[in-house]
C-alpha atoms as a PDB file:
ATOM      1  CA  MET A   1      50.195  60.621 115.663  1.00  0.00           C
ATOM      2  CA  ASP A   2      51.978  63.340 117.574  1.00  0.00           C
ATOM      3  CA  GLY A   3      54.740  63.898 115.001  1.00  0.00           C
ATOM      4  CA  ASN A   4      57.568  62.608 117.182  1.00  0.00           C
ATOM      5  CA  ILE A   5      60.198  60.333 115.728  1.00  0.00           C
ATOM      6  CA  VAL A   6      60.450  57.012 117.538  1.00  0.00           C
ATOM      7  CA  LEU A   7      63.596  54.913 117.100  1.00  0.00           C
ATOM      8  CA  ASP A   8      63.887  51.217 117.764  1.00  0.00           C
ATOM      9  CA  VAL A   9      66.548  51.460 120.481  1.00  0.00           C
ATOM     10  CA  GLU A  10      67.499  47.776 120.300  1.00  0.00           C
ATOM     11  CA  LYS A  11      68.135  48.025 116.550  1.00  0.00           C
ATOM     12  CA  GLU A  12      69.807  51.441 116.537  1.00  0.00           C
ATOM     13  CA  LEU A  13      72.269  50.981 119.409  1.00  0.00           C
ATOM     14  CA  ASN A  14      73.729  47.558 118.670  1.00  0.00           C
ATOM     15  CA  ASN A  15      77.286  48.953 118.036  1.00  0.00           C
ATOM     16  CA  ILE A  16      77.655  47.227 114.646  1.00  0.00           C
ATOM     17  CA  CYS A  17      79.157  49.383 111.904  1.00  0.00           C
ATOM     18  CA  GLU A  18      77.021  49.692 108.755  1.00  0.00           C
ATOM     19  CA  GLU A  19      80.115  49.857 106.526  1.00  0.00           C
ATOM     20  CA  CYS A  20      82.389  47.051 107.766  1.00  0.00           C
ATOM     21  CA  LYS A  21      79.876  45.095 109.931  1.00  0.00           C
ATOM     22  CA  ASN A  22      82.301  44.985 112.886  1.00  0.00           C
ATOM     23  CA  PHE A  23      81.297  45.435 116.511  1.00  0.00           C
ATOM     24  CA  ASP A  24      82.835  48.622 117.945  1.00  0.00           C
ATOM     25  CA  GLN A  25      82.009  50.926 120.862  1.00  0.00           C
ATOM     26  CA  SER A  26      82.658  53.992 118.675  1.00  0.00           C
ATOM     27  CA  VAL A  27      79.571  53.208 116.550  1.00  0.00           C
ATOM     28  CA  LYS A  28      77.239  54.406 119.314  1.00  0.00           C
ATOM     29  CA  GLU A  29      79.329  57.544 119.861  1.00  0.00           C
ATOM     30  CA  ASN A  30      79.340  58.380 116.137  1.00  0.00           C
ATOM     31  CA  LEU A  31      75.604  57.776 115.893  1.00  0.00           C
ATOM     32  CA  ILE A  32      74.985  60.317 118.647  1.00  0.00           C
ATOM     33  CA  MET A  33      77.584  62.880 117.505  1.00  0.00           C
ATOM     34  CA  HIS A  34      77.348  62.663 113.695  1.00  0.00           C
ATOM     35  CA  SER A  35      74.152  60.689 112.978  1.00  0.00           C
ATOM     36  CA  LEU A  36      76.278  58.080 111.202  1.00  0.00           C
ATOM     37  CA  LYS A  37      76.251  54.475 112.325  1.00  0.00           C
ATOM     38  CA  ILE A  38      79.894  53.795 111.480  1.00  0.00           C
ATOM     39  CA  CYS A  39      83.028  53.022 113.493  1.00  0.00           C
ATOM     40  CA  ASN A  40      85.972  55.399 113.837  1.00  0.00           C
ATOM     41  CA  ILE A  41      88.014  53.496 111.253  1.00  0.00           C
ATOM     42  CA  CYS A  42      85.289  53.842 108.609  1.00  0.00           C
ATOM     43  CA  LYS A  43      84.699  57.471 109.620  1.00  0.00           C
ATOM     44  CA  THR A  44      88.388  58.249 109.089  1.00  0.00           C
ATOM     45  CA  SER A  45      88.444  56.501 105.725  1.00  0.00           C
ATOM     46  CA  LYS A  46      85.352  58.478 104.634  1.00  0.00           C
ATOM     47  CA  LEU A  47      87.111  61.708 105.627  1.00  0.00           C
ATOM     48  CA  ILE A  48      90.263  60.856 103.666  1.00  0.00           C
ATOM     49  CA  PHE A  49      88.503  59.223 100.679  1.00  0.00           C
ATOM     50  CA  PRO A  50      85.029  60.800 100.477  1.00  0.00           C
ATOM     51  CA  ILE A  51      84.013  59.062  97.225  1.00  0.00           C
END
């Protein structure tokens, strides 16, 4: 092993939100920017209601 992290690209970039299970283009953007696989709607709700 060389210590590099290998991601299953097919599984990781399928644009399905882990919170609401909806297909959204913002899921890929949030995964890259914030390391969260959630859509913008779920991201906003987590910001407003962090519990």
